[in-house]
Amino acid sequence: MAAASRPRIKPLLIELLLATNTVADQGAINSEPVNPQMNANARAILKRCSLIVEGVSRTYYVHVPPTYDGIKALPLVLAFHGGGGKATMMHRVSKLTTTSDNHSFIVVYPEGVEKHWSDQRAIRGFDRAGDLGYVSALLNEVERDYKIDAKRVYSTGISNGGFFSQDLAIAFPERIAAVASVAASVSVPVYKKVKPPQPVPILFMLGENDPIVPYKGGDIKLGLVRRGSVVSAEDSVDFWVQANNCTITNAPVELPLAQPNDNTRVTKQTFTGATARNEVVLYSIQNGGHTWPSGWQYLGELFIGKTSRSVSANEEIWSFFQRHHL
C-alpha cells in the first residue's frame, strides 16, 4: 500500500507549486492587498514592464511607494524570486511591497527565464551571461524611468534568487550597494573558484532546518532532483568575511522573541572592518526552513520547513540596507 502511494508525491508537489504561483499572480495583478491589515494608501499595486535583451523579451514588475514624487531620488531594491517561482510570487512571499510603502523605497521584482536565475551553480540549460545582461539593462531602464538614488541600489532574493543576488555583488560591485541572501548560502563552485573583486556588504538569513539548501552544506535537493551543492553556513560567511576584508568578529546575539510560541530562535552575528563596506551579517534561524522569515508560508512545512515569525526579514534587511551606500 505504501509503495503504491509513493509515485503520487512528486505530482502532488508539482500541483501545489502550480497552485501557489496561480494564487500569487492573481493577488498582484488584481492589485489586491497582500496583507488585509494594510492601510488604504499601501495597496499592492505592481506595474508590469518589459524590455528586449539579446532578442529575448524580459519582464519585471515595479512598485513605487505613495511618497514618490519624481523629484526626490529614492533607494531601489531588486527582489529576485526562487527557482520555479515568478516575480509576482516573490511579491507575495516577501511582502516587500508593503515594506516599500512603510520605508519609502522603490521595489522591482524581476522575472527569470523559465522561472529560474542562472546563478553560478551553472545549472544546465541557463545562460548566466544573459541574466546579468538583463539586470544591467533593467537597471538602466528603471534609472531612466524613475528618480533613483544610484548610490543606494540593493539586491535581495530567496533561494535561487539569493544565490543570484550574490552573483550581482560579484559582477556589479560598482552598482550594488549591499545584498541580502535568504535561504541561499554560497555554492561550491563560487567558494572554490571565485574571488569577489571588491567588498560588498552582505546579509545572510539561513534556516538551520532548511530541507532544500542544507545549513551544514551538501547537495541542494528538490525531491530526487539535485541542483548543485553548497558549503556550510559557516564557510559561506567566511567566504564573504575574507572578500569584504572583515577584521572584527562580534559575539553572536540571540534576538528577543517576537512570537513566544513560534518555536524558532534567531541568532545574529556580525563581522566588521575598517569601513562600512567591510560588513557581513548572519542570521541563523533555529528550526527555520527554506522560507522568508515573517513572510508567506508558500508550501507546507513538510516540503519547505517552518517560516519563522520571531524575526522580520524585511525590517532586518531594510535596516541593513539603510546603513550602506556606494
Protein backbone atom coordinates (compact mmCIF):
# COMPACT_ATOMS: atom_id res chain seq x y z
CA MET A 1 0.00 0.00 0.00
CA ALA A 2 2.82 2.40 0.94
CA ALA A 3 4.76 1.54 -2.22
CA ALA A 4 1.74 2.21 -4.41
CA SER A 5 1.28 5.71 -2.92
CA ARG A 6 4.89 6.88 -3.47
CA PRO A 7 4.60 7.86 -7.16
CA ARG A 8 1.98 10.49 -6.26
CA ILE A 9 4.35 12.53 -4.08
CA LYS A 10 6.08 14.28 -6.96
CA PRO A 11 2.88 15.08 -8.94
CA LEU A 12 1.29 16.39 -5.75
CA LEU A 13 4.23 18.72 -5.13
CA ILE A 14 4.05 20.00 -8.71
CA GLU A 15 0.31 20.65 -8.30
CA LEU A 16 0.97 22.59 -5.10
CA LEU A 17 3.64 24.70 -6.78
CA LEU A 18 1.35 25.48 -9.71
CA ALA A 19 -1.47 26.43 -7.37
CA THR A 20 0.91 28.63 -5.39
CA ASN A 21 2.01 30.53 -8.50
CA THR A 22 -1.58 30.99 -9.68
CA VAL A 23 -2.72 32.49 -6.38
CA ALA A 24 0.33 34.76 -6.24
CA ASP A 25 -0.30 36.07 -9.75
CA GLN A 26 -3.93 36.89 -9.05
CA GLY A 27 -3.07 38.71 -5.84
CA ALA A 28 -0.60 41.02 -7.58
CA ILE A 29 -2.17 41.65 -10.97
CA ASN A 30 -5.59 42.43 -9.49
CA SER A 31 -3.89 44.92 -7.14
CA GLU A 32 -5.27 43.24 -4.05
CA PRO A 33 -3.55 43.90 -0.70
CA VAL A 34 -1.23 41.07 0.35
CA ASN A 35 -1.92 41.81 4.00
CA PRO A 36 -5.55 42.56 4.97
CA GLN A 37 -4.28 44.95 7.65
CA MET A 38 -2.54 47.22 5.11
CA ASN A 39 -3.90 50.76 5.11
CA ALA A 40 -5.69 52.24 2.12
CA ASN A 41 -2.59 54.06 0.86
CA ALA A 42 -0.42 50.94 0.93
CA ARG A 43 -2.03 48.80 -1.73
CA ALA A 44 -0.04 46.16 -3.53
CA ILE A 45 -0.03 47.74 -6.98
CA LEU A 46 2.55 46.39 -9.39
CA LYS A 47 3.28 47.86 -12.80
CA ARG A 48 4.22 45.20 -15.36
CA CYS A 49 7.11 46.24 -17.63
CA SER A 50 9.13 44.52 -20.32
CA LEU A 51 12.31 45.05 -22.29
CA ILE A 52 14.19 43.19 -25.02
CA VAL A 53 17.61 41.84 -24.08
CA GLU A 54 19.63 39.89 -26.64
CA GLY A 55 16.47 39.33 -28.66
CA VAL A 56 14.50 37.95 -25.70
CA SER A 57 11.52 39.73 -24.14
CA ARG A 58 12.08 40.01 -20.38
CA THR A 59 9.52 41.00 -17.75
CA TYR A 60 9.71 42.83 -14.44
CA TYR A 61 7.25 44.48 -12.04
CA VAL A 62 7.68 47.86 -10.33
CA HIS A 63 6.12 49.19 -7.16
CA VAL A 64 6.58 52.82 -6.08
CA PRO A 65 5.59 54.00 -2.58
CA PRO A 66 2.93 56.69 -2.04
CA THR A 67 5.67 59.17 -1.09
CA TYR A 68 7.30 59.01 -4.53
CA ASP A 69 7.04 62.41 -6.24
CA GLY A 70 9.51 62.04 -9.11
CA ILE A 71 11.70 64.77 -7.63
CA LYS A 72 13.42 63.23 -4.64
CA ALA A 73 15.61 60.23 -5.54
CA LEU A 74 14.60 57.05 -3.72
CA PRO A 75 16.55 53.86 -2.99
CA LEU A 76 15.88 50.83 -5.19
CA VAL A 77 15.56 47.22 -4.02
CA LEU A 78 15.72 44.40 -6.56
CA ALA A 79 13.85 41.33 -5.25
CA PHE A 80 14.55 38.02 -7.01
CA HIS A 81 12.22 35.03 -6.80
CA GLY A 82 13.32 31.48 -6.11
CA GLY A 83 13.71 28.67 -8.63
CA GLY A 84 10.34 27.59 -10.02
CA GLY A 85 8.75 30.84 -8.87
CA LYS A 86 7.72 34.05 -10.58
CA ALA A 87 8.10 37.77 -9.93
CA THR A 88 4.58 38.06 -8.57
CA MET A 89 5.21 35.12 -6.26
CA MET A 90 8.20 36.95 -4.78
CA HIS A 91 5.91 39.91 -4.17
CA ARG A 92 3.62 37.69 -2.12
CA VAL A 93 6.26 35.57 -0.38
CA SER A 94 8.32 38.53 0.82
CA LYS A 95 5.65 41.24 1.27
CA LEU A 96 8.34 43.75 0.32
CA THR A 97 5.68 45.83 -1.43
CA THR A 98 4.24 46.78 1.96
CA THR A 99 7.72 47.46 3.34
CA SER A 100 8.50 49.79 0.43
CA ASP A 101 5.41 51.82 1.36
CA ASN A 102 6.43 51.93 5.00
CA HIS A 103 10.05 52.96 4.34
CA SER A 104 9.85 54.87 1.03
CA PHE A 105 11.92 52.84 -1.40
CA ILE A 106 11.10 51.54 -4.87
CA VAL A 107 10.97 47.76 -5.26
CA VAL A 108 11.39 45.90 -8.54
CA TYR A 109 10.53 42.22 -8.98
CA PRO A 110 12.43 40.85 -12.00
CA GLU A 111 11.30 37.61 -13.65
CA GLY A 112 13.65 34.83 -14.67
CA VAL A 113 13.59 32.84 -17.89
CA GLU A 114 11.64 29.62 -17.37
CA LYS A 115 11.23 30.58 -13.68
CA HIS A 116 14.95 30.38 -12.89
CA TRP A 117 18.04 32.55 -12.47
CA SER A 118 21.31 31.35 -13.93
CA ASP A 119 23.44 31.62 -10.82
CA GLN A 120 26.97 30.33 -10.57
CA ARG A 121 25.92 26.81 -9.68
CA ALA A 122 25.94 26.58 -13.51
CA ILE A 123 22.58 24.79 -13.71
CA ARG A 124 22.42 23.18 -17.13
CA GLY A 125 20.22 24.96 -19.64
CA PHE A 126 20.55 28.51 -18.31
CA ASP A 127 22.75 31.27 -19.70
CA ARG A 128 24.27 33.21 -16.84
CA ALA A 129 25.60 36.00 -19.05
CA GLY A 130 22.09 36.56 -20.38
CA ASP A 131 20.69 37.15 -16.89
CA LEU A 132 23.50 39.52 -15.95
CA GLY A 133 22.91 41.47 -19.14
CA TYR A 134 19.20 41.57 -18.36
CA VAL A 135 19.80 43.03 -14.89
CA SER A 136 22.19 45.63 -16.29
CA ALA A 137 19.63 46.67 -18.91
CA LEU A 138 16.83 46.63 -16.32
CA LEU A 139 18.80 48.97 -14.02
CA ASN A 140 19.46 51.33 -16.92
CA GLU A 141 15.76 51.40 -17.80
CA VAL A 142 14.50 51.83 -14.23
CA GLU A 143 17.03 54.59 -13.54
CA ARG A 144 15.80 56.33 -16.70
CA ASP A 145 12.10 55.97 -15.90
CA TYR A 146 12.22 56.74 -12.18
CA LYS A 147 14.15 59.05 -9.88
CA ILE A 148 16.57 56.52 -8.35
CA ASP A 149 19.43 57.13 -5.94
CA ALA A 150 22.13 55.26 -7.88
CA LYS A 151 24.28 55.02 -4.75
CA ARG A 152 21.54 53.08 -2.95
CA VAL A 153 20.65 50.15 -5.23
CA TYR A 154 20.26 46.86 -3.35
CA SER A 155 19.57 43.25 -4.22
CA THR A 156 17.82 40.51 -2.27
CA GLY A 157 16.28 37.17 -3.08
CA ILE A 158 15.25 33.81 -1.78
CA SER A 159 16.92 30.52 -2.74
CA ASN A 160 17.88 30.72 -6.45
CA GLY A 161 17.27 34.49 -6.19
CA GLY A 162 19.56 34.69 -3.17
CA PHE A 163 22.38 32.89 -4.99
CA PHE A 164 21.87 35.19 -7.96
CA SER A 165 21.95 38.30 -5.75
CA GLN A 166 25.41 37.25 -4.62
CA ASP A 167 26.40 36.92 -8.28
CA LEU A 168 25.30 40.53 -8.81
CA ALA A 169 27.55 41.65 -5.94
CA ILE A 170 30.45 39.90 -7.67
CA ALA A 171 29.59 41.09 -11.20
CA PHE A 172 28.44 44.67 -10.44
CA PRO A 173 30.09 45.86 -7.20
CA GLU A 174 30.08 49.39 -8.62
CA ARG A 175 26.25 49.33 -8.88
CA ILE A 176 25.09 47.16 -5.96
CA ALA A 177 25.38 48.84 -2.55
CA ALA A 178 24.51 45.76 -0.47
CA VAL A 179 22.96 42.29 -0.76
CA ALA A 180 20.68 40.14 1.39
CA SER A 181 20.62 36.41 0.65
CA VAL A 182 17.72 34.46 2.15
CA ALA A 183 17.71 30.63 2.17
CA ALA A 184 20.84 30.69 -0.01
CA SER A 185 24.37 30.16 1.24
CA VAL A 186 27.46 30.01 -1.05
CA SER A 187 27.63 27.43 -3.82
CA VAL A 188 30.63 25.13 -4.04
CA PRO A 189 31.77 26.49 -7.46
CA VAL A 190 31.78 30.07 -6.13
CA TYR A 191 33.53 29.06 -2.93
CA LYS A 192 36.28 27.21 -4.81
CA LYS A 193 36.80 29.38 -7.89
CA VAL A 194 35.52 32.93 -7.40
CA LYS A 195 37.19 35.93 -5.76
CA PRO A 196 34.90 38.96 -5.47
CA PRO A 197 36.73 41.99 -6.93
CA GLN A 198 35.80 44.35 -4.09
CA PRO A 199 33.82 44.39 -0.84
CA VAL A 200 30.02 44.42 -0.98
CA PRO A 201 28.18 44.27 2.38
CA ILE A 202 26.12 41.09 2.62
CA LEU A 203 23.48 39.70 4.97
CA PHE A 204 22.53 36.02 5.20
CA MET A 205 19.30 34.60 6.64
CA LEU A 206 19.58 30.83 6.83
CA GLY A 207 17.31 28.24 8.41
CA GLU A 208 19.12 25.57 10.36
CA ASN A 209 16.43 23.04 9.35
CA ASP A 210 16.26 24.04 5.68
CA PRO A 211 15.34 20.80 3.83
CA ILE A 212 16.46 22.14 0.43
CA VAL A 213 19.63 24.21 0.99
CA PRO A 214 21.37 22.44 3.91
CA TYR A 215 22.69 24.72 6.65
CA LYS A 216 25.72 22.49 7.19
CA GLY A 217 26.46 22.19 3.48
CA GLY A 218 25.84 19.47 0.89
CA ASP A 219 23.56 18.85 -2.07
CA ILE A 220 20.63 21.13 -2.84
CA LYS A 221 17.69 18.72 -3.03
CA LEU A 222 14.27 19.09 -4.61
CA GLY A 223 12.82 15.65 -4.04
CA LEU A 224 15.08 13.34 -6.06
CA VAL A 225 16.49 16.22 -8.12
CA ARG A 226 19.89 17.72 -7.26
CA ARG A 227 20.50 21.40 -8.02
CA GLY A 228 24.19 21.74 -7.25
CA SER A 229 25.79 21.88 -3.83
CA VAL A 230 26.66 24.45 -1.18
CA VAL A 231 29.23 24.89 1.53
CA SER A 232 28.14 25.28 5.14
CA ALA A 233 26.73 28.49 6.59
CA GLU A 234 29.99 28.93 8.49
CA ASP A 235 32.09 28.58 5.33
CA SER A 236 29.70 30.83 3.38
CA VAL A 237 30.15 33.58 5.94
CA ASP A 238 33.91 33.04 5.96
CA PHE A 239 34.00 33.38 2.15
CA TRP A 240 32.43 36.83 2.36
CA VAL A 241 34.33 37.82 5.52
CA GLN A 242 37.54 37.30 3.53
CA ALA A 243 36.15 39.02 0.42
CA ASN A 244 34.93 42.01 2.46
CA ASN A 245 38.15 42.36 4.47
CA CYS A 246 36.34 41.98 7.79
CA THR A 247 38.76 42.05 10.72
CA ILE A 248 36.39 42.08 13.71
CA THR A 249 34.24 39.12 14.75
CA ASN A 250 31.44 40.12 17.12
CA ALA A 251 29.89 37.64 19.52
CA PRO A 252 26.57 36.08 18.43
CA VAL A 253 23.47 37.68 19.94
CA GLU A 254 20.14 35.90 20.39
CA LEU A 255 17.30 38.17 19.32
CA PRO A 256 14.28 38.74 21.59
CA LEU A 257 11.31 36.52 20.86
CA ALA A 258 8.74 38.37 18.79
CA GLN A 259 6.37 35.39 18.92
CA PRO A 260 6.81 33.36 22.14
CA ASN A 261 5.06 30.27 20.76
CA ASP A 262 6.79 30.33 17.38
CA ASN A 263 9.25 27.52 18.17
CA THR A 264 12.09 29.27 16.34
CA ARG A 265 15.07 31.13 17.79
CA VAL A 266 17.17 33.65 15.88
CA THR A 267 20.85 34.35 16.47
CA LYS A 268 22.57 37.30 14.81
CA GLN A 269 26.31 37.57 14.31
CA THR A 270 28.14 40.47 12.65
CA PHE A 271 31.60 40.75 11.16
CA THR A 272 33.01 44.22 10.50
CA GLY A 273 36.15 46.03 9.40
CA ALA A 274 37.69 49.42 8.80
CA THR A 275 34.83 50.86 6.72
CA ALA A 276 31.07 50.40 6.32
CA ARG A 277 31.74 48.30 3.22
CA ASN A 278 33.51 45.72 5.37
CA GLU A 279 30.45 44.02 6.86
CA VAL A 280 28.89 40.55 6.85
CA VAL A 281 25.83 39.60 8.91
CA LEU A 282 24.46 36.11 9.58
CA TYR A 283 21.00 35.38 10.97
CA SER A 284 20.86 31.70 11.98
CA ILE A 285 17.28 30.54 12.47
CA GLN A 286 16.91 27.53 14.71
CA ASN A 287 14.07 25.32 13.39
CA GLY A 288 13.76 27.64 10.38
CA GLY A 289 13.19 26.21 6.91
CA HIS A 290 13.53 27.21 3.25
CA THR A 291 11.42 30.28 3.87
CA TRP A 292 11.28 34.08 4.14
CA PRO A 293 11.10 34.97 7.86
CA SER A 294 7.70 36.54 8.66
CA GLY A 295 6.75 36.08 5.01
CA TRP A 296 4.21 33.82 3.34
CA GLN A 297 4.38 30.07 4.09
CA TYR A 298 4.10 29.28 0.39
CA LEU A 299 4.10 25.49 0.87
CA GLY A 300 3.52 23.20 3.84
CA GLU A 301 6.22 22.59 6.42
CA LEU A 302 6.55 19.02 5.14
CA PHE A 303 8.08 20.38 1.92
CA ILE A 304 9.91 23.59 2.89
CA GLY A 305 10.12 23.68 6.66
CA LYS A 306 8.92 26.38 9.04
CA THR A 307 8.58 30.12 8.43
CA SER A 308 9.95 31.90 11.48
CA ARG A 309 7.77 34.63 13.00
CA SER A 310 10.46 35.53 15.53
CA VAL A 311 12.13 37.97 13.17
CA SER A 312 11.00 40.10 10.23
CA ALA A 313 13.28 39.54 7.26
CA ASN A 314 12.03 42.77 5.69
CA GLU A 315 12.73 45.00 8.67
CA GLU A 316 16.15 43.49 9.33
CA ILE A 317 17.13 43.62 5.65
CA TRP A 318 15.98 47.21 5.22
CA SER A 319 17.79 48.25 8.42
CA PHE A 320 20.93 46.65 6.97
CA PHE A 321 20.49 48.27 3.56
CA GLN A 322 19.98 51.71 5.10
CA ARG A 323 23.48 51.59 6.59
CA HIS A 324 25.13 51.15 3.20
CA HIS A 325 25.60 53.19 0.06
CA LEU A 326 28.19 53.40 -2.68
